[in-house]
C-alpha atoms as a PDB file:
ATOM      1  CA  UNK A   1      19.090   7.098 -10.529  1.00  0.00           C
ATOM      2  CA  UNK A   2      16.207   4.501 -11.554  1.00  0.00           C
ATOM      3  CA  UNK A   3      13.258   6.148 -10.323  1.00  0.00           C
ATOM      4  CA  UNK A   4      11.597   6.031  -6.996  1.00  0.00           C
ATOM      5  CA  UNK A   5       8.688   3.753  -5.979  1.00  0.00           C
ATOM      6  CA  UNK A   6       6.590   6.110  -4.361  1.00  0.00           C
ATOM      7  CA  UNK A   7       4.206   3.992  -1.658  1.00  0.00           C
ATOM      8  CA  UNK A   8       1.732   5.069   1.614  1.00  0.00           C
ATOM      9  CA  UNK A   9       3.239   3.886   4.888  1.00  0.00           C
ATOM     10  CA  UNK A  10       1.345   4.241   8.205  1.00  0.00           C
ATOM     11  CA  UNK A  11       3.015   4.432  11.562  1.00  0.00           C
ATOM     12  CA  UNK A  12       1.193   5.059  15.040  1.00  0.00           C
ATOM     13  CA  UNK A  13       2.151   8.926  15.899  1.00  0.00           C
ATOM     14  CA  UNK A  14       4.339   7.779  18.634  1.00  0.00           C
ATOM     15  CA  UNK A  15       7.094   6.357  16.119  1.00  0.00           C
ATOM     16  CA  UNK A  16       7.146   8.886  14.238  1.00  0.00           C
ATOM     17  CA  UNK A  17       7.625  11.136  16.308  1.00  0.00           C
ATOM     18  CA  UNK A  18       9.770   9.298  17.309  1.00  0.00           C
ATOM     19  CA  UNK A  19      11.248   9.131  13.684  1.00  0.00           C
ATOM     20  CA  UNK A  20      10.931  12.298  13.244  1.00  0.00           C
ATOM     21  CA  UNK A  21      13.727  13.147  15.761  1.00  0.00           C
ATOM     22  CA  UNK A  22      16.544  10.943  14.601  1.00  0.00           C
ATOM     23  CA  UNK A  23      15.967  11.938  11.448  1.00  0.00           C
ATOM     24  CA  UNK A  24      16.364  15.649  12.666  1.00  0.00           C
ATOM     25  CA  UNK A  25      19.356  15.110  14.941  1.00  0.00           C
ATOM     26  CA  UNK A  26      21.227  13.722  11.899  1.00  0.00           C
ATOM     27  CA  UNK A  27      19.229  17.062  10.168  1.00  0.00           C
ATOM     28  CA  UNK A  28      17.557  14.411   7.540  1.00  0.00           C
ATOM     29  CA  UNK A  29      13.807  14.567   6.352  1.00  0.00           C
ATOM     30  CA  UNK A  30      11.928  11.552   7.554  1.00  0.00           C
ATOM     31  CA  UNK A  31      11.376  10.666   4.202  1.00  0.00           C
ATOM     32  CA  UNK A  32      15.745  10.782   3.851  1.00  0.00           C
ATOM     33  CA  UNK A  33      15.533   8.759   7.993  1.00  0.00           C
ATOM     34  CA  UNK A  34      13.856   6.033   6.087  1.00  0.00           C
ATOM     35  CA  UNK A  35      15.608   5.736   3.230  1.00  0.00           C
ATOM     36  CA  UNK A  36      18.656   5.477   5.353  1.00  0.00           C
ATOM     37  CA  UNK A  37      17.303   3.299   7.857  1.00  0.00           C
ATOM     38  CA  UNK A  38      16.032   0.952   5.208  1.00  0.00           C
ATOM     39  CA  UNK A  39      18.801   0.798   3.315  1.00  0.00           C
ATOM     40  CA  UNK A  40      21.828   0.012   6.423  1.00  0.00           C
ATOM     41  CA  UNK A  41      19.431  -2.897   7.553  1.00  0.00           C
ATOM     42  CA  UNK A  42      20.249  -4.582   3.416  1.00  0.00           C
ATOM     43  CA  UNK A  43      23.499  -3.386   3.879  1.00  0.00           C
ATOM     44  CA  UNK A  44      23.115  -5.435   7.531  1.00  0.00           C
ATOM     45  CA  UNK A  45      21.650  -8.474   5.826  1.00  0.00           C
ATOM     46  CA  UNK A  46      23.016  -8.825   3.040  1.00  0.00           C
ATOM     47  CA  UNK A  47      20.276  -8.171   1.490  1.00  0.00           C
ATOM     48  CA  UNK A  48      21.325  -5.101  -1.112  1.00  0.00           C
ATOM     49  CA  UNK A  49      20.779  -6.110  -4.719  1.00  0.00           C
ATOM     50  CA  UNK A  50      23.191  -5.102  -6.988  1.00  0.00           C
ATOM     51  CA  UNK A  51      26.356  -5.491  -4.449  1.00  0.00           C
ATOM     52  CA  UNK A  52      27.698  -2.912  -2.987  1.00  0.00           C
ATOM     53  CA  UNK A  53      25.799   0.533  -2.260  1.00  0.00           C
ATOM     54  CA  UNK A  54      26.932   3.567  -3.636  1.00  0.00           C
ATOM     55  CA  UNK A  55      27.726   5.823  -0.417  1.00  0.00           C
ATOM     56  CA  UNK A  56      29.423   4.450   3.183  1.00  0.00           C
ATOM     57  CA  UNK A  57      28.183   4.306   5.780  1.00  0.00           C
ATOM     58  CA  UNK A  58      29.836   7.299   8.402  1.00  0.00           C
ATOM     59  CA  UNK A  59      27.309   7.532  11.154  1.00  0.00           C
ATOM     60  CA  UNK A  60      30.374   6.969  13.447  1.00  0.00           C
ATOM     61  CA  UNK A  61      27.176   4.131  14.291  1.00  0.00           C
ATOM     62  CA  UNK A  62      29.456   1.033  15.995  1.00  0.00           C
ATOM     63  CA  UNK A  63      27.819  -2.149  14.865  1.00  0.00           C
END
């Protein structure tokens, strides 16, 4: 597994609270939810480097 880049992200409290609730609903940490969202956005826009993703999206989220 490649190393992970650590960086600061500022969010307003309302956005963070909504993200925290969403992550909790899907049994993820806030960090895990952000990683999932970013990976999904990259896949959906066909901008994910390295070809196919490691895991398929199994959330059942209709597109």
